[in-house]
Amino acid sequence: MINYFKIILCNLLWILKLTENAFRESKVHGKLNFPFTVYHVKMPDFITSYPLHYHEVFELIFVTRGALRVRIMDKEEILYQDDMAVILPDNAHLLSMASKDTFTEYFNIVFDFSLLKGAPLFDEIYDSYLSKLANHSREIDCFLKKNTPLQRTLYNPVNELVIHRHESYTSRQMLVLGQVFLIADAIYRFSREVNPDVGSYADTFTLIRKALYFVEIMYGKSIQVRDAAEYCGYSESHFMKLFKESTGQSFNEYLVSYRMMIAQKRLGTTDDRIIDIAFDCGFSDAAYFATAFKKFCGMTPLQYRKSKK
């Protein structure tokens, strides 16, 4: 008997291989000619977590209240007030509330060092130093606990960017450039050469990138671990081992969290029927969706929708 689903899936996977770079976050942070912005995030006002993702820009997390669980590649830490995290370009990461009973508040400072272009000696500084962070030939401790050396060094420039985040683009432009330059200088000074054995890192990053893209495109379908493993070019057992080691969660756990993020967004922003949202998010049974949603969010889909009105 012909397995038509497998034929369709193989065709879809072939298309995905041609377009997988589209998964890279394409959102423009700030202005095209000034790639910088500050986001003020409160959990659980909107969602309780952001699933695994990556992007080309630098990101600084500054926690001001509660407890935030941060996963960056194969490292995980719970951050508290005044703790920070440095996320280098292309590092897969996820953010979630450390406890559903604790209100969490933090700032995301997102920027590309290219915003410093035109500054004196910038090209020389970037080519000699900052590009090594971007291409991962240098690394840095990504979690900065309160009162550690780099956290103390970054605290003032980060705080300045947070305090002045609402000022007009023109009035704060020079302040932003000055503080980002201080941040860039500090990050580089505290960084170190990467161990020569970088092949395993590159292989792991390629695996995660492909797996995340696969989920983003296929989350609404009935997919199995073996489908993701086949797309990534690994045996099912090896894929499961690498994914777990690199992300701290199983592939199925990540798939569920991604589906729940999509469901939360639609429940909070549309009037679509809950059963349609369930089916569109890959659940063939509405009752199972409701059970899984309550386990993930602590409330039923209907209760969640009413809380957002």
Protein backbone atom coordinates (compact mmCIF):
# COMPACT_ATOMS: atom_id res chain seq x y z
CA MET A 1 0.00 0.00 0.00
CA ILE A 2 1.38 3.40 -0.95
CA ASN A 3 2.09 5.69 2.00
CA TYR A 4 0.81 8.96 0.57
CA PHE A 5 1.57 10.91 3.73
CA LYS A 6 5.24 9.90 3.52
CA ILE A 7 5.36 10.97 -0.14
CA ILE A 8 3.82 14.36 0.72
CA LEU A 9 6.17 14.74 3.70
CA CYS A 10 9.24 13.96 1.58
CA ASN A 11 8.18 16.59 -0.96
CA LEU A 12 7.66 19.14 1.81
CA LEU A 13 11.07 18.32 3.30
CA TRP A 14 12.71 18.86 -0.08
CA ILE A 15 11.11 22.30 -0.27
CA LEU A 16 12.22 23.04 3.29
CA LYS A 17 15.84 22.23 2.44
CA LEU A 18 15.71 24.95 -0.20
CA THR A 19 14.30 27.56 2.15
CA GLU A 20 15.49 26.71 5.67
CA ASN A 21 17.39 29.99 6.07
CA ALA A 22 13.98 31.68 6.10
CA PHE A 23 13.60 30.48 9.70
CA ARG A 24 16.22 32.92 10.91
CA GLU A 25 14.32 35.69 12.72
CA SER A 26 13.73 38.43 10.18
CA LYS A 27 12.17 41.02 12.48
CA VAL A 28 13.86 44.41 12.24
CA HIS A 29 14.76 45.66 15.71
CA GLY A 30 14.67 49.44 15.73
CA LYS A 31 15.27 51.21 12.42
CA LEU A 32 17.05 49.79 9.38
CA ASN A 33 19.77 52.44 9.71
CA PHE A 34 19.82 52.21 13.51
CA PRO A 35 19.36 48.56 14.58
CA PHE A 36 18.75 49.03 18.28
CA THR A 37 15.72 48.70 20.56
CA VAL A 38 14.72 47.99 24.16
CA TYR A 39 11.78 45.70 24.95
CA HIS A 40 10.06 45.73 28.34
CA VAL A 41 8.66 42.25 28.98
CA LYS A 42 6.26 41.21 31.72
CA MET A 43 5.35 37.59 32.33
CA PRO A 44 2.69 36.25 32.39
CA ASP A 45 0.92 39.34 30.96
CA PHE A 46 1.11 37.86 27.47
CA ILE A 47 2.79 34.46 27.49
CA THR A 48 4.76 32.48 30.03
CA SER A 49 7.64 31.54 27.73
CA TYR A 50 9.35 32.18 24.40
CA PRO A 51 10.32 28.94 22.67
CA LEU A 52 13.76 28.12 21.33
CA HIS A 53 14.81 30.54 18.58
CA TYR A 54 17.85 32.39 17.25
CA HIS A 55 18.69 35.57 15.34
CA GLU A 56 21.60 37.50 13.87
CA VAL A 57 21.69 40.30 16.45
CA PHE A 58 23.18 40.63 19.93
CA GLU A 59 20.78 40.48 22.84
CA LEU A 60 21.16 41.46 26.49
CA ILE A 61 18.67 40.27 29.11
CA PHE A 62 18.35 42.39 32.26
CA VAL A 63 16.03 40.99 34.94
CA THR A 64 14.35 43.55 37.21
CA ARG A 65 11.79 41.41 39.03
CA GLY A 66 10.97 37.77 39.69
CA ALA A 67 12.86 34.81 38.25
CA LEU A 68 13.55 34.09 34.59
CA ARG A 69 14.73 30.73 33.29
CA VAL A 70 17.11 31.23 30.36
CA ARG A 71 18.50 28.49 28.14
CA ILE A 72 21.35 29.40 25.73
CA MET A 73 22.49 26.47 23.61
CA ASP A 74 23.45 23.75 26.13
CA LYS A 75 23.59 26.04 29.19
CA GLU A 76 20.70 26.95 31.48
CA GLU A 77 20.39 29.31 34.44
CA ILE A 78 17.68 30.97 36.52
CA LEU A 79 18.20 34.74 36.65
CA TYR A 80 16.96 36.99 39.44
CA GLN A 81 16.84 40.76 39.98
CA ASP A 82 19.85 42.56 38.45
CA ASP A 83 21.17 39.35 36.83
CA MET A 84 21.94 39.51 33.11
CA ALA A 85 22.45 37.24 30.13
CA VAL A 86 24.47 37.92 26.98
CA ILE A 87 23.17 36.19 23.85
CA LEU A 88 25.55 36.25 20.89
CA PRO A 89 24.30 36.13 17.27
CA ASP A 90 22.96 32.73 16.12
CA ASN A 91 22.96 31.25 19.65
CA ALA A 92 19.71 29.29 20.03
CA HIS A 93 17.93 30.31 23.24
CA LEU A 94 14.63 30.16 25.08
CA LEU A 95 13.13 32.18 27.92
CA SER A 96 10.48 31.13 30.42
CA MET A 97 9.13 31.94 33.85
CA ALA A 98 11.03 30.01 36.50
CA SER A 99 7.83 29.71 38.51
CA LYS A 100 4.24 30.14 37.39
CA ASP A 101 3.48 31.68 40.80
CA THR A 102 6.00 34.52 40.41
CA PHE A 103 5.51 37.67 38.34
CA THR A 104 8.60 38.20 36.18
CA GLU A 105 9.81 41.41 34.56
CA TYR A 106 12.87 41.99 32.41
CA PHE A 107 14.30 44.14 29.63
CA ASN A 108 15.55 42.90 26.26
CA ILE A 109 18.21 45.14 24.75
CA VAL A 110 18.65 44.08 21.15
CA PHE A 111 21.19 45.58 18.77
CA ASP A 112 23.56 44.97 15.91
CA PHE A 113 27.07 46.34 16.27
CA SER A 114 26.71 47.68 12.71
CA LEU A 115 24.88 50.66 14.25
CA LEU A 116 28.33 51.92 15.23
CA LYS A 117 29.40 52.13 11.58
CA GLY A 118 30.77 55.56 10.80
CA ALA A 119 32.15 56.04 14.29
CA PRO A 120 35.91 56.73 14.44
CA LEU A 121 37.96 53.53 14.04
CA PHE A 122 34.76 51.42 14.03
CA ASP A 123 35.68 49.32 10.97
CA GLU A 124 39.08 48.51 12.44
CA ILE A 125 37.57 47.68 15.85
CA TYR A 126 34.85 45.52 14.32
CA ASP A 127 37.18 43.59 12.02
CA SER A 128 39.76 43.05 14.74
CA TYR A 129 37.50 42.31 17.70
CA LEU A 130 33.72 42.37 17.44
CA SER A 131 33.47 40.17 14.35
CA LYS A 132 35.17 37.40 16.34
CA LEU A 133 32.23 37.40 18.73
CA ALA A 134 29.75 37.36 15.86
CA ASN A 135 31.43 34.41 14.13
CA HIS A 136 32.01 32.54 17.42
CA SER A 137 35.81 32.45 17.26
CA ARG A 138 35.62 34.06 20.70
CA GLU A 139 33.17 33.22 23.49
CA ILE A 140 31.92 34.73 26.71
CA ASP A 141 30.20 33.56 29.89
CA CYS A 142 26.59 34.10 28.87
CA PHE A 143 25.10 34.30 32.39
CA LEU A 144 26.13 37.28 34.50
CA LYS A 145 25.00 36.99 38.10
CA LYS A 146 24.66 40.10 40.26
CA ASN A 147 27.98 41.66 41.35
CA THR A 148 30.16 39.49 39.12
CA PRO A 149 32.85 41.53 37.27
CA LEU A 150 31.18 41.79 33.85
CA GLN A 151 27.73 42.37 35.38
CA ARG A 152 29.11 45.30 37.37
CA THR A 153 30.81 46.68 34.26
CA LEU A 154 27.63 46.44 32.16
CA TYR A 155 25.19 47.62 34.82
CA ASN A 156 25.55 51.38 34.28
CA PRO A 157 25.39 51.43 30.45
CA VAL A 158 22.51 48.93 30.46
CA ASN A 159 20.64 50.94 33.08
CA GLU A 160 21.13 54.13 31.06
CA LEU A 161 19.63 52.48 27.97
CA VAL A 162 16.63 51.28 30.01
CA ILE A 163 16.03 54.66 31.68
CA HIS A 164 16.11 56.60 28.39
CA ARG A 165 14.25 54.03 26.26
CA HIS A 166 11.18 56.28 25.76
CA GLU A 167 13.08 59.32 24.54
CA SER A 168 12.81 60.28 20.87
CA TYR A 169 15.09 58.65 18.34
CA THR A 170 17.05 61.85 17.67
CA SER A 171 17.49 62.86 21.31
CA ARG A 172 18.86 59.52 22.45
CA GLN A 173 20.92 58.56 19.40
CA MET A 174 24.26 59.73 20.76
CA LEU A 175 23.51 58.25 24.20
CA VAL A 176 22.73 54.86 22.62
CA LEU A 177 25.90 54.91 20.53
CA GLY A 178 28.02 55.74 23.57
CA GLN A 179 26.49 53.08 25.81
CA VAL A 180 26.56 50.37 23.11
CA PHE A 181 30.22 51.16 22.51
CA LEU A 182 30.89 50.66 26.26
CA ILE A 183 28.94 47.38 26.18
CA ALA A 184 30.81 46.15 23.09
CA ASP A 185 34.16 47.02 24.65
CA ALA A 186 33.30 45.25 27.93
CA ILE A 187 31.95 42.12 26.24
CA TYR A 188 35.08 41.79 24.14
CA ARG A 189 37.48 42.41 27.04
CA PHE A 190 35.81 39.67 29.08
CA SER A 191 35.68 37.23 26.17
CA ARG A 192 38.24 34.54 25.36
CA GLU A 193 39.43 32.49 22.43
CA VAL A 194 37.26 29.51 21.64
CA ASN A 195 38.70 26.04 22.14
CA PRO A 196 40.14 24.92 18.76
CA ASP A 197 37.63 22.07 18.66
CA VAL A 198 34.78 24.14 17.20
CA GLY A 199 33.54 21.51 14.76
CA SER A 200 31.15 19.98 17.27
CA TYR A 201 29.67 23.41 18.01
CA ALA A 202 29.07 24.07 14.32
CA ASP A 203 27.47 20.66 13.85
CA THR A 204 25.22 21.14 16.85
CA PHE A 205 24.16 24.60 15.72
CA THR A 206 23.29 23.25 12.25
CA LEU A 207 21.18 20.52 13.85
CA ILE A 208 19.29 22.96 16.09
CA ARG A 209 18.74 25.42 13.25
CA LYS A 210 17.24 22.72 11.03
CA ALA A 211 15.12 21.25 13.80
CA LEU A 212 13.66 24.62 14.78
CA TYR A 213 12.86 25.47 11.21
CA PHE A 214 11.23 22.08 10.71
CA VAL A 215 8.93 22.70 13.69
CA GLU A 216 8.05 26.23 12.58
CA ILE A 217 6.85 24.98 9.20
CA MET A 218 5.39 21.62 10.20
CA TYR A 219 3.89 22.22 13.66
CA GLY A 220 0.35 22.03 12.28
CA LYS A 221 0.94 18.55 10.82
CA SER A 222 1.05 15.16 12.50
CA ILE A 223 4.83 14.85 12.82
CA GLN A 224 7.04 12.42 14.74
CA VAL A 225 10.59 12.58 16.05
CA ARG A 226 11.70 10.34 13.18
CA ASP A 227 10.45 12.92 10.66
CA ALA A 228 12.57 15.67 12.23
CA ALA A 229 15.57 13.32 12.48
CA GLU A 230 15.25 12.41 8.80
CA TYR A 231 15.08 16.06 7.80
CA CYS A 232 18.18 16.87 9.87
CA GLY A 233 20.09 13.89 8.46
CA TYR A 234 20.49 11.91 11.70
CA SER A 235 19.29 8.59 13.03
CA GLU A 236 16.33 8.99 15.37
CA SER A 237 18.29 7.96 18.48
CA HIS A 238 21.27 10.23 17.71
CA PHE A 239 18.98 13.13 16.90
CA MET A 240 17.09 12.72 20.18
CA LYS A 241 20.34 12.60 22.16
CA LEU A 242 21.86 15.71 20.51
CA PHE A 243 18.65 17.72 20.72
CA LYS A 244 18.21 16.94 24.41
CA GLU A 245 21.85 17.70 25.24
CA SER A 246 21.78 20.99 23.31
CA THR A 247 18.42 22.37 24.43
CA GLY A 248 17.66 20.73 27.77
CA GLN A 249 14.34 19.41 26.50
CA SER A 250 13.20 16.61 24.25
CA PHE A 251 12.08 17.29 20.70
CA ASN A 252 8.48 16.48 21.64
CA GLU A 253 8.61 18.88 24.59
CA TYR A 254 9.83 21.65 22.31
CA LEU A 255 7.16 20.81 19.71
CA VAL A 256 4.42 21.09 22.34
CA SER A 257 5.81 24.38 23.69
CA TYR A 258 5.92 25.85 20.17
CA ARG A 259 2.35 24.73 19.45
CA MET A 260 1.22 26.24 22.74
CA MET A 261 2.88 29.56 21.94
CA ILE A 262 0.97 29.71 18.64
CA ALA A 263 -2.26 28.71 20.36
CA GLN A 264 -1.79 31.36 23.08
CA LYS A 265 -1.23 34.05 20.48
CA ARG A 266 -4.35 33.12 18.52
CA LEU A 267 -6.51 32.77 21.63
CA GLY A 268 -5.43 36.21 22.80
CA THR A 269 -5.64 38.06 19.49
CA THR A 270 -8.37 36.38 17.39
CA ASP A 271 -11.94 35.12 17.72
CA ASP A 272 -11.12 31.83 15.98
CA ARG A 273 -12.93 28.81 17.36
CA ILE A 274 -10.89 26.88 19.92
CA ILE A 275 -11.41 23.63 18.03
CA ASP A 276 -10.01 25.24 14.86
CA ILE A 277 -6.98 26.54 16.77
CA ALA A 278 -6.43 23.05 18.16
CA PHE A 279 -6.49 21.41 14.73
CA ASP A 280 -4.31 24.14 13.18
CA CYS A 281 -1.73 23.59 15.93
CA GLY A 282 -1.43 19.89 15.16
CA PHE A 283 -3.88 18.43 17.69
CA SER A 284 -6.33 15.95 16.19
CA ASP A 285 -8.41 15.84 19.36
CA ALA A 286 -9.88 18.99 20.95
CA ALA A 287 -10.15 17.38 24.40
CA TYR A 288 -6.47 16.41 24.36
CA PHE A 289 -5.59 19.95 23.28
CA ALA A 290 -7.54 21.38 26.23
CA THR A 291 -5.78 19.00 28.64
CA ALA A 292 -2.33 19.78 27.23
CA PHE A 293 -3.04 23.53 27.23
CA LYS A 294 -4.10 23.52 30.89
CA LYS A 295 -1.02 21.54 31.86
CA PHE A 296 1.20 24.01 29.98
CA CYS A 297 -0.52 27.29 30.93
CA GLY A 298 -2.30 26.50 34.18
CA MET A 299 -5.74 27.31 32.74
CA THR A 300 -8.08 26.07 30.03
CA PRO A 301 -8.05 27.64 26.54
CA LEU A 302 -11.36 29.40 27.29
CA GLN A 303 -10.09 30.77 30.60
CA TYR A 304 -6.94 32.00 28.88
CA ARG A 305 -8.97 33.75 26.17
CA LYS A 306 -11.20 35.46 28.75
CA SER A 307 -8.11 36.62 30.70
CA LYS A 308 -6.88 38.48 27.61
CA LYS A 309 -10.11 40.35 26.91
